[in-house]
Amino acid sequence: MPTHTRIRMFNTKTTYPNQSLDNDLCQAVRAGNTVYVRGQVGTDFDGNLVGLGDAAAQAEQAMKNVKQLLEEAGSDLSHIVKTTTYLIDPRYREPVYQVVGKWLRGVFPISTGLVVSALGQPQWLMEIDVIAVIPEEWLEQREAHP
């Protein structure tokens, strides 16, 4: 029995053709009842950037990605326990956190926010990664009805 499940595996050679990378990664990992979601940016799963120059639009796409990945892992937004948000400019804090707050209304996760000098691609203005759980009763239902 595997100890974890990798969700949306990919290789950086195809994801980032502008860089000389060849790394096997995935978008999320479910380990037991914990889900770890890779940093999400304003790029959809087809590789299209949403919101060039617009931190709020990038945050909106990033949260859409987070929602989809959590659902594919067997969880949802209401079970996020921690967020880490990276911004390349402190002026993006308000627009990004307004978007994230809208998606996480009533969830009350712990949250860390960082301002960094750059992200992995120059057009990315923000990135967010999350840790969520899958409630025990959801796991039991899944096992009973695979």
C-alpha atoms as a PDB file:
ATOM      1  CA  MET A   1       0.000   0.000   0.000  1.00  0.00           C
ATOM      2  CA  PRO A   2       1.544   3.334  -1.018  1.00  0.00           C
ATOM      3  CA  THR A   3       2.217   5.828   1.748  1.00  0.00           C
ATOM      4  CA  HIS A   4       1.401   8.781  -0.480  1.00  0.00           C
ATOM      5  CA  THR A   5      -0.219   9.748  -3.779  1.00  0.00           C
ATOM      6  CA  ARG A   6       1.301  12.179  -6.251  1.00  0.00           C
ATOM      7  CA  ILE A   7      -1.184  14.405  -8.083  1.00  0.00           C
ATOM      8  CA  ARG A   8      -0.552  15.934 -11.522  1.00  0.00           C
ATOM      9  CA  MET A   9       3.011  14.765 -12.050  1.00  0.00           C
ATOM     10  CA  PHE A  10       5.100  16.716 -14.560  1.00  0.00           C
ATOM     11  CA  ASN A  11       8.643  17.328 -15.731  1.00  0.00           C
ATOM     12  CA  THR A  12      10.116  20.813 -15.683  1.00  0.00           C
ATOM     13  CA  LYS A  13      11.633  20.279 -19.139  1.00  0.00           C
ATOM     14  CA  THR A  14       8.182  20.694 -20.689  1.00  0.00           C
ATOM     15  CA  THR A  15       6.749  23.061 -18.082  1.00  0.00           C
ATOM     16  CA  TYR A  16       9.595  25.579 -18.284  1.00  0.00           C
ATOM     17  CA  PRO A  17      11.029  25.319 -21.816  1.00  0.00           C
ATOM     18  CA  ASN A  18      12.815  28.663 -21.320  1.00  0.00           C
ATOM     19  CA  GLN A  19      15.052  27.063 -18.673  1.00  0.00           C
ATOM     20  CA  SER A  20      17.503  24.150 -18.745  1.00  0.00           C
ATOM     21  CA  LEU A  21      15.687  21.997 -16.195  1.00  0.00           C
ATOM     22  CA  ASP A  22      14.802  18.309 -16.119  1.00  0.00           C
ATOM     23  CA  ASN A  23      13.144  17.645 -12.757  1.00  0.00           C
ATOM     24  CA  ASP A  24      10.247  15.304 -11.980  1.00  0.00           C
ATOM     25  CA  LEU A  25       7.712  17.064  -9.741  1.00  0.00           C
ATOM     26  CA  CYS A  26       3.999  17.075  -9.004  1.00  0.00           C
ATOM     27  CA  GLN A  27       1.385  19.675  -8.113  1.00  0.00           C
ATOM     28  CA  ALA A  28       0.247  18.039  -4.873  1.00  0.00           C
ATOM     29  CA  VAL A  29       0.990  15.082  -2.626  1.00  0.00           C
ATOM     30  CA  ARG A  30      -1.499  13.312  -0.392  1.00  0.00           C
ATOM     31  CA  ALA A  31       0.315  11.613   2.494  1.00  0.00           C
ATOM     32  CA  GLY A  32      -2.068   9.902   4.891  1.00  0.00           C
ATOM     33  CA  ASN A  33      -4.716  12.499   5.633  1.00  0.00           C
ATOM     34  CA  THR A  34      -2.468  15.474   4.810  1.00  0.00           C
ATOM     35  CA  VAL A  35      -2.350  17.243   1.438  1.00  0.00           C
ATOM     36  CA  TYR A  36       0.629  19.376   0.455  1.00  0.00           C
ATOM     37  CA  VAL A  37       0.007  21.683  -2.506  1.00  0.00           C
ATOM     38  CA  ARG A  38       2.941  23.014  -4.485  1.00  0.00           C
ATOM     39  CA  GLY A  39       3.244  26.782  -4.832  1.00  0.00           C
ATOM     40  CA  GLN A  40       0.523  28.000  -7.182  1.00  0.00           C
ATOM     41  CA  VAL A  41       0.838  31.096  -9.346  1.00  0.00           C
ATOM     42  CA  GLY A  42      -1.304  32.846 -11.928  1.00  0.00           C
ATOM     43  CA  THR A  43      -0.756  30.106 -14.494  1.00  0.00           C
ATOM     44  CA  ASP A  44      -3.498  27.620 -15.353  1.00  0.00           C
ATOM     45  CA  PHE A  45      -2.813  23.904 -15.766  1.00  0.00           C
ATOM     46  CA  ASP A  46      -2.379  24.376 -19.529  1.00  0.00           C
ATOM     47  CA  GLY A  47       0.536  26.730 -18.868  1.00  0.00           C
ATOM     48  CA  ASN A  48      -1.289  29.982 -19.701  1.00  0.00           C
ATOM     49  CA  LEU A  49      -0.510  32.991 -17.531  1.00  0.00           C
ATOM     50  CA  VAL A  50      -3.616  34.770 -16.261  1.00  0.00           C
ATOM     51  CA  GLY A  51      -3.198  38.401 -15.200  1.00  0.00           C
ATOM     52  CA  LEU A  52       0.080  39.646 -16.641  1.00  0.00           C
ATOM     53  CA  GLY A  53       1.038  42.563 -14.363  1.00  0.00           C
ATOM     54  CA  ASP A  54      -2.053  42.061 -12.153  1.00  0.00           C
ATOM     55  CA  ALA A  55      -1.327  40.481  -8.764  1.00  0.00           C
ATOM     56  CA  ALA A  56      -5.024  40.113  -7.861  1.00  0.00           C
ATOM     57  CA  ALA A  57      -5.816  38.283 -11.109  1.00  0.00           C
ATOM     58  CA  GLN A  58      -2.825  35.998 -10.560  1.00  0.00           C
ATOM     59  CA  ALA A  59      -4.030  35.280  -7.016  1.00  0.00           C
ATOM     60  CA  GLU A  60      -7.487  34.433  -8.360  1.00  0.00           C
ATOM     61  CA  GLN A  61      -6.005  31.867 -10.771  1.00  0.00           C
ATOM     62  CA  ALA A  62      -3.697  30.492  -8.086  1.00  0.00           C
ATOM     63  CA  MET A  63      -6.661  29.916  -5.768  1.00  0.00           C
ATOM     64  CA  LYS A  64      -8.631  28.220  -8.567  1.00  0.00           C
ATOM     65  CA  ASN A  65      -5.664  25.880  -8.948  1.00  0.00           C
ATOM     66  CA  VAL A  66      -5.496  25.262  -5.187  1.00  0.00           C
ATOM     67  CA  LYS A  67      -9.205  24.432  -5.076  1.00  0.00           C
ATOM     68  CA  GLN A  68      -8.937  21.984  -7.963  1.00  0.00           C
ATOM     69  CA  LEU A  69      -5.831  20.271  -6.586  1.00  0.00           C
ATOM     70  CA  LEU A  70      -7.345  19.848  -3.129  1.00  0.00           C
ATOM     71  CA  GLU A  71     -10.471  18.328  -4.631  1.00  0.00           C
ATOM     72  CA  GLU A  72      -8.383  15.947  -6.755  1.00  0.00           C
ATOM     73  CA  ALA A  73      -6.573  14.931  -3.551  1.00  0.00           C
ATOM     74  CA  GLY A  74      -9.839  14.251  -1.717  1.00  0.00           C
ATOM     75  CA  SER A  75     -10.022  17.436   0.364  1.00  0.00           C
ATOM     76  CA  ASP A  76     -11.333  20.968  -0.172  1.00  0.00           C
ATOM     77  CA  LEU A  77     -10.627  24.602   0.688  1.00  0.00           C
ATOM     78  CA  SER A  78     -12.394  24.351   4.051  1.00  0.00           C
ATOM     79  CA  HIS A  79      -9.718  21.943   5.271  1.00  0.00           C
ATOM     80  CA  ILE A  80      -6.697  24.173   4.619  1.00  0.00           C
ATOM     81  CA  VAL A  81      -4.643  24.456   7.795  1.00  0.00           C
ATOM     82  CA  LYS A  82      -1.708  26.583   6.570  1.00  0.00           C
ATOM     83  CA  THR A  83      -0.957  28.989   3.750  1.00  0.00           C
ATOM     84  CA  THR A  84       2.334  30.529   2.726  1.00  0.00           C
ATOM     85  CA  THR A  85       2.102  33.485   0.368  1.00  0.00           C
ATOM     86  CA  TYR A  86       5.058  34.957  -1.487  1.00  0.00           C
ATOM     87  CA  LEU A  87       4.917  38.459  -3.002  1.00  0.00           C
ATOM     88  CA  ILE A  88       7.567  40.221  -5.060  1.00  0.00           C
ATOM     89  CA  ASP A  89       6.403  43.636  -3.873  1.00  0.00           C
ATOM     90  CA  PRO A  90       4.815  44.601  -0.526  1.00  0.00           C
ATOM     91  CA  ARG A  91       2.297  46.764  -2.434  1.00  0.00           C
ATOM     92  CA  TYR A  92       0.692  43.518  -3.701  1.00  0.00           C
ATOM     93  CA  ARG A  93      -0.200  42.449  -0.159  1.00  0.00           C
ATOM     94  CA  GLU A  94      -3.644  44.036  -0.075  1.00  0.00           C
ATOM     95  CA  PRO A  95      -4.906  42.944  -3.509  1.00  0.00           C
ATOM     96  CA  VAL A  96      -3.553  39.403  -3.108  1.00  0.00           C
ATOM     97  CA  TYR A  97      -4.805  38.922   0.447  1.00  0.00           C
ATOM     98  CA  GLN A  98      -8.243  40.281  -0.513  1.00  0.00           C
ATOM     99  CA  VAL A  99      -8.525  37.556  -3.150  1.00  0.00           C
ATOM    100  CA  VAL A 100      -7.175  34.802  -0.871  1.00  0.00           C
ATOM    101  CA  GLY A 101      -9.446  35.993   1.939  1.00  0.00           C
ATOM    102  CA  LYS A 102     -12.475  35.767  -0.332  1.00  0.00           C
ATOM    103  CA  TRP A 103     -11.645  32.132  -1.171  1.00  0.00           C
ATOM    104  CA  LEU A 104     -10.915  31.223   2.469  1.00  0.00           C
ATOM    105  CA  ARG A 105     -13.751  33.064   4.233  1.00  0.00           C
ATOM    106  CA  GLY A 106     -14.583  31.176   7.433  1.00  0.00           C
ATOM    107  CA  VAL A 107     -11.614  28.758   7.141  1.00  0.00           C
ATOM    108  CA  PHE A 108      -9.195  30.442   9.619  1.00  0.00           C
ATOM    109  CA  PRO A 109      -5.898  28.821   8.526  1.00  0.00           C
ATOM    110  CA  ILE A 110      -2.560  29.857   9.943  1.00  0.00           C
ATOM    111  CA  SER A 111      -0.799  32.046   7.413  1.00  0.00           C
ATOM    112  CA  THR A 112       2.717  33.165   6.614  1.00  0.00           C
ATOM    113  CA  GLY A 113       3.393  35.982   4.168  1.00  0.00           C
ATOM    114  CA  LEU A 114       6.780  36.787   2.705  1.00  0.00           C
ATOM    115  CA  VAL A 115       8.111  39.446   0.391  1.00  0.00           C
ATOM    116  CA  VAL A 116      10.858  37.991  -1.787  1.00  0.00           C
ATOM    117  CA  SER A 117      13.120  39.535  -4.415  1.00  0.00           C
ATOM    118  CA  ALA A 118      11.786  37.303  -7.207  1.00  0.00           C
ATOM    119  CA  LEU A 119       9.851  34.138  -8.023  1.00  0.00           C
ATOM    120  CA  GLY A 120      10.709  31.378 -10.496  1.00  0.00           C
ATOM    121  CA  GLN A 121       9.514  33.280 -13.574  1.00  0.00           C
ATOM    122  CA  PRO A 122       9.753  37.063 -14.033  1.00  0.00           C
ATOM    123  CA  GLN A 123       6.045  37.479 -14.849  1.00  0.00           C
ATOM    124  CA  TRP A 124       4.917  35.887 -11.565  1.00  0.00           C
ATOM    125  CA  LEU A 125       3.941  38.487  -8.959  1.00  0.00           C
ATOM    126  CA  MET A 126       2.707  36.117  -6.247  1.00  0.00           C
ATOM    127  CA  GLU A 127       2.731  32.474  -5.262  1.00  0.00           C
ATOM    128  CA  ILE A 128       0.812  30.555  -2.617  1.00  0.00           C
ATOM    129  CA  ASP A 129       1.266  27.071  -1.245  1.00  0.00           C
ATOM    130  CA  VAL A 130      -1.034  25.331   1.195  1.00  0.00           C
ATOM    131  CA  ILE A 131      -1.260  22.392   3.527  1.00  0.00           C
ATOM    132  CA  ALA A 132      -4.670  20.837   4.081  1.00  0.00           C
ATOM    133  CA  VAL A 133      -6.110  17.768   5.735  1.00  0.00           C
ATOM    134  CA  ILE A 134      -8.652  15.193   4.709  1.00  0.00           C
ATOM    135  CA  PRO A 135     -11.129  14.572   7.538  1.00  0.00           C
ATOM    136  CA  GLU A 136     -10.994  11.057   8.958  1.00  0.00           C
ATOM    137  CA  GLU A 137     -14.637  10.421   8.046  1.00  0.00           C
ATOM    138  CA  TRP A 138     -13.892  11.353   4.401  1.00  0.00           C
ATOM    139  CA  LEU A 139     -11.061   8.802   4.338  1.00  0.00           C
ATOM    140  CA  GLU A 140     -13.343   6.148   5.846  1.00  0.00           C
ATOM    141  CA  GLN A 141     -16.037   6.874   3.231  1.00  0.00           C
ATOM    142  CA  ARG A 142     -13.441   6.678   0.466  1.00  0.00           C
ATOM    143  CA  GLU A 143     -12.223   3.291   1.691  1.00  0.00           C
ATOM    144  CA  ALA A 144     -15.799   1.990   2.006  1.00  0.00           C
ATOM    145  CA  HIS A 145     -16.758   3.199  -1.511  1.00  0.00           C
ATOM    146  CA  PRO A 146     -13.628   3.314  -3.707  1.00  0.00           C
END
